[in-house]
């Protein structure tokens, strides 16, 4: 009996992070639900115990069912029949197990049938599911679309749709079109309002994950004659009303169990969510931030799976009379893989905690006015969430790709064969740095937090933490890396050359990422010595990366841009 939660002590480390007490108190409104729901927690310890027990169920289902089905799902995949998606047999079994265990709508309030989980333990569940099968995470994890409906829908929409999600119906977010990929302001799916005030949708969407879901959130052009993002609104579509067919499922490189669909809308009835014209400007931005956090969790789960596969193989495989793990070249790869995994998870859960806190304050504000101190906190955590989300999505997805690559390298020729799980992990990981905004777009989102000082300010706060004598040298290294980063930022922004700044943005964002992840691991090490090895390995790795970028920036002149940008 495998359990993907209980066999990973790092998850409980983050579940009991000191900030969780504040998160739980805000989420539970000082535990007022205990009067109305017998399964609502009585206090903080009871809440953590509840999350722990549910995550143990998630771990058991993932270890015994989802992971066991993953290879068959990868080979069989979904298919289209009469305009509808038929899931792979293993996918059906996975969904059935999750529904019976009540693992849908985990973050939704209890009044809608949810578990009222904070984001952090929900993201832990996503981490666990992704380790078992990253493709299935794309179906199970789209329940977080319900958060957008909860935040921006009216109470009638919440009461009709959210209980269905909590009962196990699936969701999708229908954004991308053939001519509108990352450039969502070019979306042209038409939303028309009829004389009776109702709305219908007409057009085509492409690359829609789980596109034959029960409930869709759809970005569409509601304003006649508009051509930019100000003419777009958000709609909710119910599959039971008809009007949408699946034209085809994409034949993908990886995550094959997740149907990626092309959809045709023909007078499909729908409902406006929130206000007109705010679809892209406000609602999709919130939707995408949640999705990007989910992809970061997916990336961490893949890194976890890749590291475990590589470690197991390296212990068993013998060459020249000894296990290959005893060769320094292999040992180094494994140490760096583990360090990247642990750094990725540290960043993921730091980001999740910031999201938890600002969303809790925003939810409270739906009930009453926030105090001045609460407003200040909400603004601070919202800014940190905004800064850490693209950093988390960008860094963890790149590390997932690197770790799955290295897992194959450790397997040697065997890793290139479909007999070994690492081959599938490698294919599954490749999409993580592409969908829900490419790494390059995450840099675009993150660079303003470089230039406005958000990252540097947070790093300076990390600098104030006390560390034990054993970690003083590591902290000194991070302080030196921070000065290199600050000098690089000044060198780039001081030119007042926007093109030069855009060109150097990736390097600056990565430098900030390495320092932040190093400090987060250092913080974890003070609570749990098991992180020390990864902390030291990662900071040495990050030190070399920061030095590389600092040297490139210091020795690069803006006039040399032509060598890179003219073709």
Protein backbone atom coordinates (compact mmCIF):
# COMPACT_ATOMS: atom_id res chain seq x y z
CA UNK A 1 0.00 0.00 0.00
CA UNK A 2 1.67 3.20 -1.19
CA UNK A 3 0.81 6.59 0.27
CA UNK A 4 2.21 9.64 -1.50
CA UNK A 5 1.55 11.88 1.50
CA UNK A 6 2.83 9.90 4.45
CA UNK A 7 6.01 8.88 2.59
CA UNK A 8 6.96 12.56 2.10
CA UNK A 9 7.78 14.32 5.37
CA UNK A 10 8.43 17.62 3.59
CA UNK A 11 4.68 18.09 3.07
CA UNK A 12 3.86 17.95 6.78
CA UNK A 13 6.72 20.41 7.37
CA UNK A 14 4.88 22.99 5.26
CA UNK A 15 1.47 22.06 6.63
CA UNK A 16 2.72 23.10 10.07
CA UNK A 17 4.50 26.29 8.98
CA UNK A 18 4.18 29.07 11.60
CA UNK A 19 2.11 31.23 9.23
CA UNK A 20 -0.55 28.52 9.01
CA UNK A 21 -2.05 29.56 12.34
CA UNK A 22 -2.96 32.98 10.98
CA UNK A 23 -4.15 31.50 7.68
CA UNK A 24 -6.42 28.99 9.40
CA UNK A 25 -7.83 31.57 11.81
CA UNK A 26 -8.76 33.91 8.95
CA UNK A 27 -10.10 31.14 6.73
CA UNK A 28 -12.24 29.68 9.53
CA UNK A 29 -13.37 33.11 10.83
CA UNK A 30 -12.26 32.06 14.29
CA UNK A 31 -13.97 28.66 13.81
CA UNK A 32 -17.54 29.89 13.65
CA UNK A 33 -18.65 26.98 11.38
CA UNK A 34 -18.30 24.53 14.28
CA UNK A 35 -21.80 25.56 15.36
CA UNK A 36 -23.39 24.49 12.07
CA UNK A 37 -21.22 21.67 10.64
CA UNK A 38 -20.17 18.65 12.66
CA UNK A 39 -17.07 18.22 10.49
CA UNK A 40 -15.89 21.84 10.90
CA UNK A 41 -12.76 22.22 13.07
CA UNK A 42 -13.05 23.38 16.68
CA UNK A 43 -9.65 25.10 16.78
CA UNK A 44 -6.31 25.39 14.99
CA UNK A 45 -5.01 21.96 16.03
CA UNK A 46 -8.27 20.37 14.96
CA UNK A 47 -8.04 22.11 11.57
CA UNK A 48 -4.48 20.92 10.94
CA UNK A 49 -5.49 17.41 11.99
CA UNK A 50 -8.38 17.56 9.52
CA UNK A 51 -6.12 18.70 6.66
CA UNK A 52 -3.63 15.98 7.62
CA UNK A 53 -6.28 13.25 7.50
CA UNK A 54 -7.68 14.41 4.15
CA UNK A 55 -4.19 14.64 2.65
CA UNK A 56 -3.56 11.10 3.85
CA UNK A 57 -6.63 10.02 1.86
CA UNK A 58 -5.30 11.93 -1.17
CA UNK A 59 -1.93 10.22 -0.74
CA UNK A 60 -3.52 6.77 -0.53
CA UNK A 61 -5.68 7.26 -3.62
CA UNK A 62 -2.72 8.65 -5.56
CA UNK A 63 -0.34 5.90 -4.48
CA UNK A 64 -2.71 2.97 -4.94
CA UNK A 65 -4.98 4.10 -7.78
CA UNK A 66 -3.85 7.16 -9.77
CA UNK A 67 -0.18 6.19 -10.04
CA UNK A 68 -1.10 2.58 -10.87
CA UNK A 69 -3.36 3.77 -13.71
CA UNK A 70 -0.92 6.33 -15.11
CA UNK A 71 0.85 4.15 -17.69
CA UNK A 72 -2.38 2.70 -19.08
CA UNK A 73 -3.93 6.18 -19.29
CA UNK A 74 -0.85 7.44 -21.12
CA UNK A 75 -1.17 4.64 -23.70
CA UNK A 76 -4.97 4.64 -24.09
CA UNK A 77 -5.74 8.33 -23.75
CA UNK A 78 -9.15 9.97 -24.30
CA UNK A 79 -11.10 9.93 -27.58
CA UNK A 80 -13.97 11.83 -29.24
CA UNK A 81 -17.27 10.16 -30.09
CA UNK A 82 -20.17 12.18 -31.53
CA UNK A 83 -18.70 15.48 -30.38
CA UNK A 84 -18.12 14.30 -26.80
CA UNK A 85 -14.97 13.23 -24.93
CA UNK A 86 -14.66 9.67 -23.65
CA UNK A 87 -11.97 9.49 -20.94
CA UNK A 88 -9.46 6.64 -20.73
CA UNK A 89 -10.64 3.81 -18.48
CA UNK A 90 -8.02 4.64 -15.84
CA UNK A 91 -9.10 8.28 -15.81
CA UNK A 92 -12.68 7.23 -15.09
CA UNK A 93 -11.47 5.13 -12.17
CA UNK A 94 -9.39 8.03 -10.87
CA UNK A 95 -12.30 10.48 -11.01
CA UNK A 96 -14.63 7.97 -9.39
CA UNK A 97 -12.22 7.46 -6.49
CA UNK A 98 -11.79 11.21 -5.95
CA UNK A 99 -15.54 11.83 -6.07
CA UNK A 100 -16.30 9.07 -3.59
CA UNK A 101 -13.63 10.44 -1.24
CA UNK A 102 -15.08 13.96 -1.42
CA UNK A 103 -11.93 15.47 -2.91
CA UNK A 104 -13.68 17.83 -5.34
CA UNK A 105 -14.34 21.44 -4.40
CA UNK A 106 -11.83 21.18 -1.55
CA UNK A 107 -11.33 24.95 -1.16
CA UNK A 108 -15.02 25.86 -1.46
CA UNK A 109 -17.00 27.02 1.59
CA UNK A 110 -18.95 24.40 3.52
CA UNK A 111 -22.29 25.96 2.65
CA UNK A 112 -21.71 24.83 -0.95
CA UNK A 113 -20.58 21.35 0.03
CA UNK A 114 -16.84 22.04 0.07
CA UNK A 115 -14.20 21.35 2.73
CA UNK A 116 -13.27 25.04 3.18
CA UNK A 117 -9.57 24.21 2.80
CA UNK A 118 -7.07 27.06 2.59
CA UNK A 119 -5.08 27.24 -0.63
CA UNK A 120 -1.94 25.81 0.98
CA UNK A 121 -3.24 22.30 1.86
CA UNK A 122 -5.21 22.24 -1.41
CA UNK A 123 -1.96 22.93 -3.30
CA UNK A 124 -0.36 20.11 -1.31
CA UNK A 125 -3.04 17.80 -2.68
CA UNK A 126 -2.23 19.06 -6.20
CA UNK A 127 1.47 18.39 -5.55
CA UNK A 128 0.62 14.80 -4.52
CA UNK A 129 -1.75 14.19 -7.46
CA UNK A 130 0.87 15.50 -9.91
CA UNK A 131 3.49 13.13 -8.58
CA UNK A 132 1.08 10.27 -9.34
CA UNK A 133 -0.02 11.49 -12.78
CA UNK A 134 0.48 15.04 -14.03
CA UNK A 135 -2.15 14.53 -16.73
CA UNK A 136 -4.81 13.64 -14.16
CA UNK A 137 -3.93 16.74 -12.16
CA UNK A 138 -5.19 18.76 -15.14
CA UNK A 139 -8.66 17.28 -14.67
CA UNK A 140 -8.79 17.13 -10.88
CA UNK A 141 -7.03 20.47 -10.40
CA UNK A 142 -9.38 22.50 -12.60
CA UNK A 143 -11.75 22.54 -9.65
CA UNK A 144 -9.89 25.72 -8.71
CA UNK A 145 -11.83 27.47 -11.50
CA UNK A 146 -14.65 27.41 -8.95
CA UNK A 147 -12.67 29.98 -6.96
CA UNK A 148 -13.15 32.50 -9.78
CA UNK A 149 -16.87 31.78 -9.91
CA UNK A 150 -17.04 32.16 -6.14
CA UNK A 151 -15.17 35.47 -6.22
CA UNK A 152 -16.92 37.14 -9.15
CA UNK A 153 -20.23 35.34 -9.70
CA UNK A 154 -23.43 36.42 -7.99
CA UNK A 155 -24.96 34.46 -5.13
CA UNK A 156 -27.46 32.75 -7.43
CA UNK A 157 -24.65 31.47 -9.67
CA UNK A 158 -22.68 30.32 -6.66
CA UNK A 159 -25.62 28.40 -5.24
CA UNK A 160 -26.34 26.69 -8.57
CA UNK A 161 -22.82 25.86 -9.78
CA UNK A 162 -20.52 25.45 -6.78
CA UNK A 163 -22.39 22.53 -5.16
CA UNK A 164 -22.10 20.70 -8.47
CA UNK A 165 -18.32 21.14 -8.44
CA UNK A 166 -18.15 19.94 -4.84
CA UNK A 167 -20.20 16.89 -5.86
CA UNK A 168 -17.64 15.98 -8.50
CA UNK A 169 -18.55 17.76 -11.74
CA UNK A 170 -15.56 18.98 -13.73
CA UNK A 171 -14.61 22.47 -14.91
CA UNK A 172 -12.59 24.11 -17.65
CA UNK A 173 -11.43 27.60 -18.55
CA UNK A 174 -12.01 28.31 -22.23
CA UNK A 175 -9.60 31.09 -23.12
CA UNK A 176 -7.30 30.23 -26.03
CA UNK A 177 -8.30 30.49 -29.69
CA UNK A 178 -6.55 29.61 -32.97
CA UNK A 179 -5.46 33.26 -33.39
CA UNK A 180 -5.26 34.16 -29.69
CA UNK A 181 -2.74 32.16 -27.70
CA UNK A 182 -0.84 34.21 -25.12
CA UNK A 183 -2.34 37.36 -26.66
CA UNK A 184 -5.75 36.96 -25.05
CA UNK A 185 -6.87 40.48 -25.90
CA UNK A 186 -7.23 39.15 -29.46
CA UNK A 187 -10.00 36.70 -28.44
CA UNK A 188 -12.89 36.87 -30.93
CA UNK A 189 -15.40 34.21 -29.72
CA UNK A 190 -18.60 36.21 -29.93
CA UNK A 191 -21.03 36.70 -27.05
CA UNK A 192 -24.37 38.08 -28.24
CA UNK A 193 -27.16 39.34 -26.01
CA UNK A 194 -30.66 38.43 -27.14
CA UNK A 195 -33.75 40.60 -26.77
CA UNK A 196 -34.76 38.79 -23.58
CA UNK A 197 -31.39 39.67 -22.01
CA UNK A 198 -29.92 36.17 -22.26
CA UNK A 199 -26.54 35.48 -23.89
CA UNK A 200 -25.26 33.00 -26.49
CA UNK A 201 -21.76 32.15 -27.66
CA UNK A 202 -20.54 31.53 -31.21
CA UNK A 203 -17.05 30.69 -32.45
CA UNK A 204 -14.11 28.38 -31.80
CA UNK A 205 -11.78 27.75 -28.88
CA UNK A 206 -8.57 25.73 -29.15
CA UNK A 207 -6.13 24.04 -26.74
CA UNK A 208 -8.80 23.85 -24.03
CA UNK A 209 -7.75 21.56 -21.18
CA UNK A 210 -10.58 19.17 -20.24
CA UNK A 211 -12.65 20.97 -22.87
CA UNK A 212 -15.71 18.73 -22.52
CA UNK A 213 -16.12 19.55 -18.84
CA UNK A 214 -19.48 19.98 -17.15
CA UNK A 215 -19.04 23.68 -16.37
CA UNK A 216 -16.99 26.13 -18.44
CA UNK A 217 -15.67 29.60 -17.71
CA UNK A 218 -15.45 31.30 -21.11
CA UNK A 219 -13.71 34.49 -22.22
CA UNK A 220 -15.68 36.05 -25.07
CA UNK A 221 -16.08 39.35 -26.94
CA UNK A 222 -19.26 40.98 -25.71
CA UNK A 223 -18.79 44.51 -27.08
CA UNK A 224 -19.63 44.91 -30.75
CA UNK A 225 -16.83 46.49 -32.78
CA UNK A 226 -14.20 46.23 -30.05
CA UNK A 227 -10.76 44.81 -30.81
CA UNK A 228 -8.90 44.86 -27.49
CA UNK A 229 -9.19 43.50 -23.96
CA UNK A 230 -11.74 46.11 -22.94
CA UNK A 231 -14.34 44.42 -25.11
CA UNK A 232 -14.10 41.03 -23.38
CA UNK A 233 -16.35 39.59 -20.68
CA UNK A 234 -16.45 36.36 -18.69
CA UNK A 235 -19.29 33.85 -19.06
CA UNK A 236 -20.25 30.55 -17.47
CA UNK A 237 -21.52 27.78 -19.74
CA UNK A 238 -23.34 24.63 -18.62
CA UNK A 239 -22.77 21.57 -20.83
CA UNK A 240 -26.30 20.34 -20.08
CA UNK A 241 -27.67 23.23 -22.15
CA UNK A 242 -25.97 22.07 -25.38
CA UNK A 243 -24.52 24.21 -28.14
CA UNK A 244 -20.86 23.18 -27.79
CA UNK A 245 -19.24 20.21 -29.50
CA UNK A 246 -15.71 18.84 -29.38
CA UNK A 247 -14.27 18.97 -32.90
CA UNK A 248 -11.05 17.15 -32.02
CA UNK A 249 -8.61 16.22 -29.27
CA UNK A 250 -5.00 17.29 -29.83
CA UNK A 251 -2.45 14.50 -30.22
CA UNK A 252 0.04 15.68 -27.62
CA UNK A 253 3.59 14.83 -26.63
CA UNK A 254 2.69 14.35 -22.96
CA UNK A 255 -0.05 14.59 -20.30
CA UNK A 256 -2.02 12.37 -22.64
CA UNK A 257 -4.76 11.51 -20.17
CA UNK A 258 -5.86 15.15 -20.15
CA UNK A 259 -8.02 15.88 -23.24
CA UNK A 260 -6.90 19.10 -24.93
CA UNK A 261 -9.84 20.07 -27.09
CA UNK A 262 -10.92 22.22 -29.99
CA UNK A 263 -14.45 23.41 -29.26
CA UNK A 264 -17.14 24.75 -31.58
CA UNK A 265 -19.81 27.03 -30.08
CA UNK A 266 -23.10 27.39 -31.95
CA UNK A 267 -25.62 29.59 -30.15
CA UNK A 268 -24.47 28.07 -26.85
CA UNK A 269 -26.53 29.51 -23.96
CA UNK A 270 -24.42 31.12 -21.23
CA UNK A 271 -24.53 33.56 -18.32
CA UNK A 272 -22.52 36.71 -17.74
CA UNK A 273 -20.19 36.48 -14.75
CA UNK A 274 -19.69 39.76 -12.93
CA UNK A 275 -19.64 42.93 -15.02
CA UNK A 276 -19.23 43.39 -18.76
CA UNK A 277 -15.82 44.40 -20.11
CA UNK A 278 -13.88 43.08 -17.09
CA UNK A 279 -13.41 39.55 -18.44
CA UNK A 280 -9.72 39.90 -19.29
CA UNK A 281 -8.79 42.95 -17.29
CA UNK A 282 -9.89 41.52 -13.94
CA UNK A 283 -11.42 38.04 -13.97
CA UNK A 284 -9.02 36.16 -16.25
CA UNK A 285 -6.05 37.69 -14.45
CA UNK A 286 -7.36 36.19 -11.19
CA UNK A 287 -8.14 32.90 -12.95
CA UNK A 288 -4.67 32.70 -14.48
CA UNK A 289 -2.90 33.43 -11.20
CA UNK A 290 -4.69 30.48 -9.65
CA UNK A 291 -3.87 28.31 -12.65
CA UNK A 292 -0.20 29.31 -12.51
CA UNK A 293 0.04 28.31 -8.87
CA UNK A 294 -1.51 24.99 -9.90
CA UNK A 295 1.12 24.49 -12.61
CA UNK A 296 3.84 25.24 -10.06
CA UNK A 297 2.37 22.45 -7.90
CA UNK A 298 2.25 20.18 -10.94
CA UNK A 299 5.90 20.98 -11.63
CA UNK A 300 6.92 20.18 -8.05
CA UNK A 301 5.03 16.88 -8.19
CA UNK A 302 6.85 15.97 -11.41
CA UNK A 303 10.21 16.93 -9.88
CA UNK A 304 9.41 14.72 -6.89
CA UNK A 305 8.54 11.77 -9.12
CA UNK A 306 11.65 12.28 -11.28
CA UNK A 307 13.98 12.45 -8.28
CA UNK A 308 12.52 9.30 -6.73
CA UNK A 309 12.80 7.38 -9.99
CA UNK A 310 16.41 8.50 -10.47
CA UNK A 311 17.40 7.75 -6.88
CA UNK A 312 15.85 4.28 -6.93
CA UNK A 313 17.50 3.38 -10.24
CA UNK A 314 20.90 4.72 -9.13
CA UNK A 315 20.80 2.54 -6.01
CA UNK A 316 19.87 -0.60 -7.95
CA UNK A 317 21.92 -0.23 -11.12
CA UNK A 318 25.43 -1.65 -10.84
CA UNK A 319 28.36 -0.90 -13.15
CA UNK A 320 32.05 -1.78 -12.72
CA UNK A 321 31.24 -3.70 -9.57
CA UNK A 322 29.30 -1.05 -7.63
CA UNK A 323 26.00 0.84 -7.61
CA UNK A 324 26.12 3.87 -9.90
CA UNK A 325 24.99 6.12 -7.01
CA UNK A 326 28.53 5.69 -5.65
CA UNK A 327 30.05 7.44 -8.66
CA UNK A 328 30.61 11.16 -7.92
CA UNK A 329 29.20 12.24 -11.29
CA UNK A 330 25.90 10.50 -10.53
CA UNK A 331 25.89 11.56 -6.89
CA UNK A 332 26.22 15.21 -7.91
CA UNK A 333 23.30 14.98 -10.32
CA UNK A 334 21.09 13.49 -7.61
CA UNK A 335 22.13 16.07 -5.02
CA UNK A 336 21.33 18.95 -7.36
CA UNK A 337 18.02 17.33 -8.38
CA UNK A 338 17.02 17.07 -4.72
CA UNK A 339 18.12 20.66 -4.05
CA UNK A 340 16.08 21.96 -6.99
CA UNK A 341 13.09 19.92 -5.82
CA UNK A 342 13.29 21.23 -2.26
CA UNK A 343 13.86 24.82 -3.43
CA UNK A 344 10.89 24.54 -5.79
CA UNK A 345 8.64 23.28 -3.00
CA UNK A 346 9.81 26.02 -0.62
CA UNK A 347 8.92 28.69 -3.20
CA UNK A 348 5.60 27.03 -4.06
CA UNK A 349 4.36 27.02 -0.47
CA UNK A 350 5.65 30.50 0.32
CA UNK A 351 3.60 31.71 -2.63
CA UNK A 352 0.58 29.65 -1.53
CA UNK A 353 0.70 31.20 1.94
CA UNK A 354 0.70 34.73 0.51
CA UNK A 355 -2.26 33.85 -1.72
CA UNK A 356 -4.08 32.35 1.25
CA UNK A 357 -3.68 35.48 3.35
CA UNK A 358 -4.75 38.08 0.83
CA UNK A 359 -7.68 35.97 -0.39
CA UNK A 360 -8.84 35.43 3.20
CA UNK A 361 -8.87 39.18 3.78
CA UNK A 362 -10.72 39.77 0.50
CA UNK A 363 -13.31 37.17 1.48
CA UNK A 364 -13.78 38.79 4.88
CA UNK A 365 -14.33 42.10 3.10
CA UNK A 366 -17.41 40.60 1.42
CA UNK A 367 -18.93 40.39 4.89
CA UNK A 368 -17.66 43.54 6.59
CA UNK A 369 -15.26 46.44 6.19
CA UNK A 370 -11.65 45.65 6.90
CA UNK A 371 -9.86 47.58 9.60
CA UNK A 372 -6.99 49.87 8.49
CA UNK A 373 -4.46 47.28 9.70
CA UNK A 374 -6.27 44.50 7.85
CA UNK A 375 -6.33 46.57 4.65
CA UNK A 376 -2.61 47.17 4.98
CA UNK A 377 -1.93 43.46 5.45
CA UNK A 378 -4.21 42.53 2.56
CA UNK A 379 -2.38 44.94 0.26
CA UNK A 380 1.03 43.64 1.36
CA UNK A 381 0.18 39.96 0.86
CA UNK A 382 -1.56 40.70 -2.44
CA UNK A 383 1.61 42.37 -3.69
CA UNK A 384 3.76 39.45 -2.52
CA UNK A 385 1.40 36.93 -4.14
CA UNK A 386 1.52 38.94 -7.36
CA UNK A 387 5.33 38.91 -7.24
CA UNK A 388 5.81 35.29 -6.20
CA UNK A 389 3.25 33.67 -8.54
CA UNK A 390 5.15 34.24 -11.82
CA UNK A 391 8.42 33.49 -10.05
CA UNK A 392 7.03 30.20 -8.73
CA UNK A 393 5.50 29.17 -12.03
CA UNK A 394 8.62 30.08 -14.00
CA UNK A 395 11.29 28.61 -11.72
CA UNK A 396 9.50 25.40 -10.72
CA UNK A 397 8.51 24.52 -14.30
CA UNK A 398 12.05 25.02 -15.57
CA UNK A 399 13.38 22.87 -12.73
CA UNK A 400 10.78 20.18 -13.48
CA UNK A 401 12.08 20.03 -17.04
CA UNK A 402 15.68 19.85 -15.82
CA UNK A 403 14.94 17.17 -13.21
CA UNK A 404 13.05 14.92 -15.61
CA UNK A 405 15.90 15.36 -18.11
CA UNK A 406 18.43 14.33 -15.46
CA UNK A 407 16.29 11.37 -14.40
CA UNK A 408 16.62 9.99 -17.92
CA UNK A 409 20.34 10.73 -17.92
CA UNK A 410 20.83 8.65 -14.78
CA UNK A 411 18.85 5.80 -16.35
CA UNK A 412 21.11 5.96 -19.41
CA UNK A 413 19.81 4.14 -22.47
CA UNK A 414 17.09 2.50 -20.40
CA UNK A 415 15.58 5.91 -19.67
CA UNK A 416 14.95 6.41 -23.37
CA UNK A 417 12.72 3.34 -23.41
CA UNK A 418 9.02 3.35 -22.64
CA UNK A 419 9.58 0.53 -20.16
CA UNK A 420 10.65 3.13 -17.58
CA UNK A 421 8.44 5.75 -15.96
CA UNK A 422 10.98 8.55 -16.36
CA UNK A 423 10.31 8.63 -20.13
CA UNK A 424 6.68 9.61 -19.47
CA UNK A 425 7.66 12.11 -16.77
CA UNK A 426 10.01 13.80 -19.25
CA UNK A 427 7.22 14.17 -21.81
CA UNK A 428 4.70 15.31 -19.21
CA UNK A 429 7.03 17.96 -17.78
CA UNK A 430 7.71 19.70 -21.08
CA UNK A 431 4.37 21.53 -21.17
CA UNK A 432 4.75 23.05 -17.70
CA UNK A 433 6.99 25.87 -18.91
CA UNK A 434 4.61 26.59 -21.82
CA UNK A 435 0.96 26.54 -20.82
CA UNK A 436 -0.81 29.04 -18.56
CA UNK A 437 1.81 31.53 -19.72
CA UNK A 438 5.27 30.57 -20.97
CA UNK A 439 8.36 31.13 -18.85
CA UNK A 440 9.04 34.17 -21.01
CA UNK A 441 5.64 35.63 -20.07
CA UNK A 442 6.31 34.90 -16.39
CA UNK A 443 9.44 37.02 -16.75
CA UNK A 444 7.31 39.83 -18.20
CA UNK A 445 5.03 39.60 -15.16
CA UNK A 446 7.91 39.36 -12.69
CA UNK A 447 10.26 42.05 -13.99
CA UNK A 448 8.25 44.93 -12.54
CA UNK A 449 8.83 43.43 -9.10
CA UNK A 450 12.54 43.61 -9.88
CA UNK A 451 12.42 47.24 -10.99
CA UNK A 452 10.06 48.38 -8.21
CA UNK A 453 12.08 46.63 -5.53
CA UNK A 454 9.49 44.10 -4.30
CA UNK A 455 11.93 41.19 -4.49
CA UNK A 456 14.85 43.11 -3.00
CA UNK A 457 12.69 44.35 -0.13
CA UNK A 458 11.59 40.79 0.66
CA UNK A 459 15.17 39.53 0.41
CA UNK A 460 16.27 42.21 2.90
CA UNK A 461 13.61 40.95 5.30
CA UNK A 462 15.01 37.43 4.90
CA UNK A 463 18.46 38.80 5.76
CA UNK A 464 17.29 39.73 9.26
CA UNK A 465 16.54 36.13 10.26
CA UNK A 466 18.83 34.51 12.80
CA UNK A 467 20.56 31.31 11.68
CA UNK A 468 22.59 28.73 13.56
CA UNK A 469 26.41 28.71 13.41
CA UNK A 470 26.39 25.81 10.95
CA UNK A 471 24.56 27.96 8.38
CA UNK A 472 26.37 31.29 8.83
CA UNK A 473 28.57 30.80 5.77
CA UNK A 474 25.52 30.04 3.64
CA UNK A 475 23.81 33.19 4.85
CA UNK A 476 26.95 35.23 4.08
CA UNK A 477 26.93 33.78 0.57
CA UNK A 478 23.30 34.84 0.10
CA UNK A 479 24.13 38.35 1.33
CA UNK A 480 26.93 38.57 -1.25
CA UNK A 481 24.61 37.23 -3.99
CA UNK A 482 22.09 39.91 -3.03
CA UNK A 483 24.67 42.65 -3.54
CA UNK A 484 25.51 41.21 -6.96
CA UNK A 485 21.80 41.24 -7.79
CA UNK A 486 21.30 44.82 -6.57
CA UNK A 487 24.29 45.97 -8.63
CA UNK A 488 22.95 44.21 -11.72
CA UNK A 489 19.50 45.77 -11.31
CA UNK A 490 21.07 49.22 -11.00
CA UNK A 491 23.27 48.62 -14.05
CA UNK A 492 20.31 47.60 -16.20
CA UNK A 493 17.72 50.13 -15.03
CA UNK A 494 20.30 52.91 -15.01
CA UNK A 495 20.57 52.82 -18.79
CA UNK A 496 16.93 53.98 -19.12
CA UNK A 497 16.83 51.72 -22.18
CA UNK A 498 13.57 49.73 -22.24
CA UNK A 499 14.76 47.30 -24.91
CA UNK A 500 17.92 46.60 -22.93
CA UNK A 501 15.87 46.09 -19.77
CA UNK A 502 13.56 43.64 -21.55
CA UNK A 503 16.57 41.74 -22.86
CA UNK A 504 18.11 41.41 -19.40
CA UNK A 505 14.82 40.73 -17.62
CA UNK A 506 15.17 36.94 -17.57
CA UNK A 507 18.59 37.14 -15.96
CA UNK A 508 17.44 39.58 -13.28
CA UNK A 509 14.34 37.53 -12.46
CA UNK A 510 16.37 34.32 -12.23
CA UNK A 511 18.90 36.03 -9.94
CA UNK A 512 16.08 37.12 -7.63
CA UNK A 513 14.60 33.64 -7.78
CA UNK A 514 17.83 31.89 -6.78
CA UNK A 515 18.37 34.21 -3.81
CA UNK A 516 14.77 33.96 -2.60
CA UNK A 517 14.72 30.18 -2.92
CA UNK A 518 18.04 29.99 -1.08
CA UNK A 519 16.67 32.06 1.79
CA UNK A 520 13.47 30.04 1.95
CA UNK A 521 15.49 26.83 2.24
CA UNK A 522 17.66 28.47 4.88
CA UNK A 523 14.52 29.36 6.81
CA UNK A 524 13.27 25.77 6.50
CA UNK A 525 16.62 24.47 7.73
CA UNK A 526 16.29 26.42 10.98
CA UNK A 527 13.03 24.55 11.67
CA UNK A 528 14.10 21.19 10.26
CA UNK A 529 17.72 20.10 9.88
CA UNK A 530 16.70 17.59 7.19
CA UNK A 531 16.71 20.51 4.72
CA UNK A 532 20.33 21.50 5.45
CA UNK A 533 21.96 19.41 2.74
CA UNK A 534 19.60 20.70 0.03
CA UNK A 535 19.99 24.26 1.34
CA UNK A 536 23.77 24.16 1.08
CA UNK A 537 23.77 22.45 -2.32
CA UNK A 538 21.16 24.82 -3.72
CA UNK A 539 22.89 27.99 -2.52
CA UNK A 540 26.16 26.83 -4.11
CA UNK A 541 24.27 26.12 -7.33
CA UNK A 542 22.49 29.49 -7.15
CA UNK A 543 25.74 31.28 -6.39
CA UNK A 544 27.21 30.09 -9.69
CA UNK A 545 24.05 31.05 -11.59
CA UNK A 546 23.90 34.53 -10.05
CA UNK A 547 27.61 35.10 -10.73
CA UNK A 548 27.11 34.03 -14.35
CA UNK A 549 24.27 36.50 -14.89
CA UNK A 550 26.06 39.28 -13.00
CA UNK A 551 29.14 38.84 -15.18
CA UNK A 552 27.07 38.84 -18.39
CA UNK A 553 25.28 42.05 -17.41
CA UNK A 554 28.47 43.81 -16.24
CA UNK A 555 30.24 43.08 -19.51
CA UNK A 556 27.39 43.75 -21.92
CA UNK A 557 26.83 47.05 -23.73
CA UNK A 558 23.39 48.08 -25.04
CA UNK A 559 24.77 48.51 -28.55
CA UNK A 560 25.50 44.77 -28.62
CA UNK A 561 21.77 44.06 -28.65
CA UNK A 562 21.83 44.09 -32.44
CA UNK A 563 23.82 40.84 -32.41
CA UNK A 564 20.87 39.12 -30.69
CA UNK A 565 17.82 40.92 -32.03
CA UNK A 566 18.52 41.40 -35.74
CA UNK A 567 18.06 38.36 -37.95
